[in-house]
C-alpha atoms as a PDB file:
ATOM      1  CA  MET A   1      58.302 163.696 123.199  1.00  0.00           C
ATOM      2  CA  ASP A   2      60.665 166.344 125.301  1.00  0.00           C
ATOM      3  CA  ALA A   3      60.484 164.552 128.294  1.00  0.00           C
ATOM      4  CA  HIS A   4      62.199 161.271 125.864  1.00  0.00           C
ATOM      5  CA  GLN A   5      65.288 163.573 125.146  1.00  0.00           C
ATOM      6  CA  HIS A   6      67.216 163.815 128.793  1.00  0.00           C
ATOM      7  CA  GLU A   7      66.574 160.304 129.586  1.00  0.00           C
ATOM      8  CA  SER A   8      69.536 158.701 130.637  1.00  0.00           C
ATOM      9  CA  PHE A   9      69.205 154.032 129.102  1.00  0.00           C
ATOM     10  CA  ILE A  10      70.624 153.530 133.072  1.00  0.00           C
ATOM     11  CA  LYS A  11      67.087 153.543 135.111  1.00  0.00           C
ATOM     12  CA  THR A  12      68.686 151.724 138.569  1.00  0.00           C
ATOM     13  CA  PRO A  13      71.511 152.525 140.834  1.00  0.00           C
ATOM     14  CA  ARG A  14      71.931 148.509 140.181  1.00  0.00           C
ATOM     15  CA  GLN A  15      72.672 149.722 135.997  1.00  0.00           C
ATOM     16  CA  LEU A  16      75.081 152.794 137.311  1.00  0.00           C
ATOM     17  CA  VAL A  17      77.389 150.424 139.532  1.00  0.00           C
ATOM     18  CA  VAL A  18      77.280 147.134 136.600  1.00  0.00           C
ATOM     19  CA  VAL A  19      78.605 150.348 134.135  1.00  0.00           C
ATOM     20  CA  ILE A  20      81.367 151.425 136.538  1.00  0.00           C
ATOM     21  CA  LEU A  21      82.837 148.485 137.204  1.00  0.00           C
ATOM     22  CA  LEU A  22      82.770 146.885 133.293  1.00  0.00           C
ATOM     23  CA  ALA A  23      84.279 151.378 132.329  1.00  0.00           C
ATOM     24  CA  PHE A  24      86.513 150.070 134.661  1.00  0.00           C
ATOM     25  CA  LEU A  25      87.569 146.566 133.928  1.00  0.00           C
ATOM     26  CA  VAL A  26      87.768 146.613 130.170  1.00  0.00           C
ATOM     27  CA  PRO A  27      90.484 149.443 129.915  1.00  0.00           C
ATOM     28  CA  VAL A  28      92.203 147.425 132.699  1.00  0.00           C
ATOM     29  CA  ILE A  29      91.686 143.366 131.349  1.00  0.00           C
ATOM     30  CA  GLY A  30      92.033 144.334 127.383  1.00  0.00           C
ATOM     31  CA  ILE A  31      95.602 146.015 128.591  1.00  0.00           C
ATOM     32  CA  LEU A  32      97.096 143.240 130.555  1.00  0.00           C
ATOM     33  CA  LEU A  33      95.847 140.700 127.684  1.00  0.00           C
ATOM     34  CA  LEU A  34      98.195 142.902 125.267  1.00  0.00           C
ATOM     35  CA  VAL A  35     100.976 142.826 127.772  1.00  0.00           C
ATOM     36  CA  GLN A  36     100.650 139.003 128.129  1.00  0.00           C
ATOM     37  CA  LEU A  37     100.598 138.729 124.228  1.00  0.00           C
ATOM     38  CA  VAL A  38     103.832 141.250 123.572  1.00  0.00           C
ATOM     39  CA  LEU A  39     105.631 138.820 126.049  1.00  0.00           C
ATOM     40  CA  THR A  40     105.027 135.006 124.847  1.00  0.00           C
ATOM     41  CA  VAL A  41     104.623 136.729 120.689  1.00  0.00           C
ATOM     42  CA  ALA A  42     107.977 138.415 121.041  1.00  0.00           C
ATOM     43  CA  GLY A  43     109.693 137.339 124.071  1.00  0.00           C
ATOM     44  CA  PRO A  44     113.844 137.151 124.309  1.00  0.00           C
ATOM     45  CA  ASP A  45     116.463 135.683 121.570  1.00  0.00           C
ATOM     46  CA  PRO A  46     118.255 133.757 123.577  1.00  0.00           C
ATOM     47  CA  ARG A  47     120.426 134.082 120.829  1.00  0.00           C
ATOM     48  CA  ALA A  48     120.476 138.213 121.039  1.00  0.00           C
ATOM     49  CA  MET A  49     121.956 137.622 125.320  1.00  0.00           C
ATOM     50  CA  ALA A  50     124.603 135.342 124.053  1.00  0.00           C
ATOM     51  CA  PRO A  51     128.109 137.229 125.004  1.00  0.00           C
ATOM     52  CA  GLU A  52     129.139 136.916 120.687  1.00  0.00           C
ATOM     53  CA  ALA A  53     126.324 138.915 119.668  1.00  0.00           C
ATOM     54  CA  VAL A  54     126.065 141.507 122.080  1.00  0.00           C
ATOM     55  CA  ALA A  55     130.075 142.123 121.529  1.00  0.00           C
ATOM     56  CA  GLU A  56     128.478 142.120 118.024  1.00  0.00           C
ATOM     57  CA  ARG A  57     126.101 144.832 118.251  1.00  0.00           C
ATOM     58  CA  ILE A  58     128.568 147.222 120.540  1.00  0.00           C
ATOM     59  CA  LYS A  59     131.168 146.588 118.400  1.00  0.00           C
ATOM     60  CA  PRO A  60     132.370 150.189 117.131  1.00  0.00           C
ATOM     61  CA  VAL A  61     132.188 151.333 114.401  1.00  0.00           C
ATOM     62  CA  ALA A  62     135.804 153.628 113.113  1.00  0.00           C
ATOM     63  CA  ARG A  63     138.465 153.661 114.775  1.00  0.00           C
ATOM     64  CA  VAL A  64     141.118 156.572 114.971  1.00  0.00           C
ATOM     65  CA  GLU A  65     144.652 156.007 114.052  1.00  0.00           C
ATOM     66  CA  PHE A  66     147.742 158.083 114.621  1.00  0.00           C
ATOM     67  CA  GLY A  67     150.633 156.685 113.158  1.00  0.00           C
ATOM     68  CA  PRO A  68     151.592 152.663 110.641  1.00  0.00           C
ATOM     69  CA  ARG A  69     148.808 150.226 111.152  1.00  0.00           C
ATOM     70  CA  GLU A  70     149.745 146.909 113.000  1.00  0.00           C
ATOM     71  CA  GLY A  71     151.061 145.346 109.609  1.00  0.00           C
ATOM     72  CA  ALA A  72     151.437 148.271 107.530  1.00  0.00           C
ATOM     73  CA  PRO A  73     155.115 148.137 105.543  1.00  0.00           C
ATOM     74  CA  ALA A  74     157.231 150.797 107.889  1.00  0.00           C
ATOM     75  CA  PRO A  75     157.393 154.799 106.197  1.00  0.00           C
ATOM     76  CA  ALA A  76     160.657 154.518 105.217  1.00  0.00           C
ATOM     77  CA  GLN A  77     159.849 150.996 103.265  1.00  0.00           C
ATOM     78  CA  THR A  78     157.012 154.119 101.821  1.00  0.00           C
ATOM     79  CA  ALA A  79     159.440 155.824 100.523  1.00  0.00           C
ATOM     80  CA  ALA A  80     161.335 153.263  99.375  1.00  0.00           C
ATOM     81  CA  ALA A  81     158.353 151.801  96.930  1.00  0.00           C
ATOM     82  CA  LYS A  82     157.635 155.811  95.863  1.00  0.00           C
ATOM     83  CA  PRO A  83     160.212 156.455  93.543  1.00  0.00           C
ATOM     84  CA  ALA A  84     159.272 153.052  91.332  1.00  0.00           C
ATOM     85  CA  ALA A  85     156.315 154.199  91.086  1.00  0.00           C
ATOM     86  CA  GLN A  86     156.965 157.946  90.676  1.00  0.00           C
ATOM     87  CA  ALA A  87     159.117 157.079  87.508  1.00  0.00           C
ATOM     88  CA  GLY A  88     156.981 158.710  84.153  1.00  0.00           C
ATOM     89  CA  PRO A  89     156.080 162.895  84.865  1.00  0.00           C
ATOM     90  CA  VAL A  90     153.267 162.958  87.439  1.00  0.00           C
ATOM     91  CA  ASP A  91     149.780 164.025  86.702  1.00  0.00           C
ATOM     92  CA  GLY A  92     148.418 167.126  88.005  1.00  0.00           C
ATOM     93  CA  LYS A  93     145.056 167.316  86.987  1.00  0.00           C
ATOM     94  CA  ALA A  94     144.855 163.901  89.164  1.00  0.00           C
ATOM     95  CA  VAL A  95     146.743 165.062  92.383  1.00  0.00           C
ATOM     96  CA  TYR A  96     144.183 167.577  92.062  1.00  0.00           C
ATOM     97  CA  ASP A  97     140.933 165.519  92.132  1.00  0.00           C
ATOM     98  CA  LYS A  98     142.973 163.375  94.918  1.00  0.00           C
ATOM     99  CA  VAL A  99     144.220 166.253  97.474  1.00  0.00           C
ATOM    100  CA  CYS A 100     142.949 169.554  96.557  1.00  0.00           C
ATOM    101  CA  PHE A 101     139.761 168.898  95.394  1.00  0.00           C
ATOM    102  CA  ALA A 102     138.194 168.882  99.063  1.00  0.00           C
ATOM    103  CA  CYS A 103     139.093 172.432  99.855  1.00  0.00           C
ATOM    104  CA  HIS A 104     140.102 174.673  96.682  1.00  0.00           C
ATOM    105  CA  GLN A 105     136.576 173.677  94.842  1.00  0.00           C
ATOM    106  CA  GLN A 106     134.832 175.086  96.718  1.00  0.00           C
ATOM    107  CA  SER A 107     137.107 177.010  98.855  1.00  0.00           C
ATOM    108  CA  VAL A 108     137.549 176.016 102.584  1.00  0.00           C
ATOM    109  CA  ALA A 109     138.671 178.107 105.168  1.00  0.00           C
ATOM    110  CA  GLY A 110     140.287 180.100 102.683  1.00  0.00           C
ATOM    111  CA  SER A 111     141.734 178.737  99.606  1.00  0.00           C
ATOM    112  CA  PRO A 112     141.737 179.901  97.095  1.00  0.00           C
ATOM    113  CA  ARG A 113     139.062 178.224  94.836  1.00  0.00           C
ATOM    114  CA  LEU A 114     140.161 176.463  91.629  1.00  0.00           C
ATOM    115  CA  GLY A 115     139.857 179.007  88.175  1.00  0.00           C
ATOM    116  CA  ASP A 116     139.675 182.253  90.809  1.00  0.00           C
ATOM    117  CA  LYS A 117     141.342 184.571  88.755  1.00  0.00           C
ATOM    118  CA  GLU A 118     141.824 187.170  91.382  1.00  0.00           C
ATOM    119  CA  ALA A 119     141.990 185.047  94.275  1.00  0.00           C
ATOM    120  CA  TRP A 120     145.346 183.443  92.655  1.00  0.00           C
ATOM    121  CA  ALA A 121     147.113 186.820  91.035  1.00  0.00           C
ATOM    122  CA  PRO A 122     148.719 187.591  94.514  1.00  0.00           C
ATOM    123  CA  ARG A 123     149.806 183.790  94.788  1.00  0.00           C
ATOM    124  CA  ILE A 124     150.955 183.121  91.064  1.00  0.00           C
ATOM    125  CA  LYS A 125     152.715 186.748  91.334  1.00  0.00           C
ATOM    126  CA  GLN A 126     155.167 184.746  94.616  1.00  0.00           C
ATOM    127  CA  GLY A 127     156.263 182.334  92.214  1.00  0.00           C
ATOM    128  CA  ILE A 128     154.993 178.113  91.854  1.00  0.00           C
ATOM    129  CA  ALA A 129     157.849 176.993  94.072  1.00  0.00           C
ATOM    130  CA  THR A 130     156.672 179.068  97.326  1.00  0.00           C
ATOM    131  CA  LEU A 131     152.980 177.950  96.332  1.00  0.00           C
ATOM    132  CA  VAL A 132     155.057 174.356  96.156  1.00  0.00           C
ATOM    133  CA  GLN A 133     156.452 175.006 100.073  1.00  0.00           C
ATOM    134  CA  SER A 134     153.461 176.427 101.115  1.00  0.00           C
ATOM    135  CA  VAL A 135     152.137 173.106 100.241  1.00  0.00           C
ATOM    136  CA  LEU A 136     154.651 170.534 102.200  1.00  0.00           C
ATOM    137  CA  LYS A 137     154.790 172.750 104.930  1.00  0.00           C
ATOM    138  CA  GLY A 138     150.948 174.220 105.799  1.00  0.00           C
ATOM    139  CA  LYS A 139     150.457 178.168 105.344  1.00  0.00           C
ATOM    140  CA  GLY A 140     146.734 178.151 106.888  1.00  0.00           C
ATOM    141  CA  ALA A 141     144.179 176.074 107.675  1.00  0.00           C
ATOM    142  CA  MET A 142     145.842 174.550 105.274  1.00  0.00           C
ATOM    143  CA  PRO A 143     148.387 171.543 107.307  1.00  0.00           C
ATOM    144  CA  PRO A 144     151.158 170.770 105.908  1.00  0.00           C
ATOM    145  CA  ARG A 145     151.592 168.383 102.802  1.00  0.00           C
ATOM    146  CA  ALA A 146     147.373 168.980 102.351  1.00  0.00           C
ATOM    147  CA  GLY A 147     146.835 166.817 104.683  1.00  0.00           C
ATOM    148  CA  ASN A 148     148.077 164.459 103.363  1.00  0.00           C
ATOM    149  CA  PRO A 149     151.757 162.628 104.316  1.00  0.00           C
ATOM    150  CA  ALA A 150     152.740 160.738 101.893  1.00  0.00           C
ATOM    151  CA  LEU A 151     151.917 163.632  99.132  1.00  0.00           C
ATOM    152  CA  THR A 152     155.836 163.918  96.997  1.00  0.00           C
ATOM    153  CA  GLU A 153     157.175 167.546  96.320  1.00  0.00           C
ATOM    154  CA  ALA A 154     157.025 166.157  92.648  1.00  0.00           C
ATOM    155  CA  GLU A 155     152.828 165.367  93.884  1.00  0.00           C
ATOM    156  CA  ALA A 156     152.685 168.716  95.230  1.00  0.00           C
ATOM    157  CA  GLY A 157     154.849 170.870  91.738  1.00  0.00           C
ATOM    158  CA  ALA A 158     152.100 169.406  90.225  1.00  0.00           C
ATOM    159  CA  ALA A 159     148.751 169.938  91.252  1.00  0.00           C
ATOM    160  CA  VAL A 160     150.632 173.507  92.636  1.00  0.00           C
ATOM    161  CA  GLU A 161     151.022 173.727  88.232  1.00  0.00           C
ATOM    162  CA  PHE A 162     147.881 172.010  87.315  1.00  0.00           C
ATOM    163  CA  MET A 163     145.763 174.643  90.672  1.00  0.00           C
ATOM    164  CA  VAL A 164     148.355 178.101  88.677  1.00  0.00           C
ATOM    165  CA  GLY A 165     147.591 176.953  84.678  1.00  0.00           C
ATOM    166  CA  GLN A 166     143.534 177.246  85.501  1.00  0.00           C
ATOM    167  CA  SER A 167     143.111 179.837  87.321  1.00  0.00           C
ATOM    168  CA  LYS A 168     145.093 182.090  85.091  1.00  0.00           C
END
């Protein structure tokens, strides 16, 4: 029994040559058939290479603009329209939620967190008018008008009063 355990199924040199050729040819033929299948089934769509389709695929997702947009009202028109819209009292919480929330909720770049009495105490001692001027002119990492060029002095004052009221 031990003599038969180490026998190979290849008995003749001819069988050896056939096995070597098949070991080379079968994978090569398989690869060629797969390549042909991929090229014929998923061939390029002629419409995908049209100039309009290419332009649509590579167009920018967004753009950054400085200054007024085309078709937007001029700043003078916007400023003239603002007072009419701001006839009533300004809601400080609404201004905070719209403009100030992003930085003052998480204390970004050293800004005092809303409701943090220790951080707000020295600022409150300076007075509301000084805090409003800091908002309008910018201070530290905060840009002028808290990064919103359309922010009015009344809105800045209302937001400061709201934040101070929450932090006393």
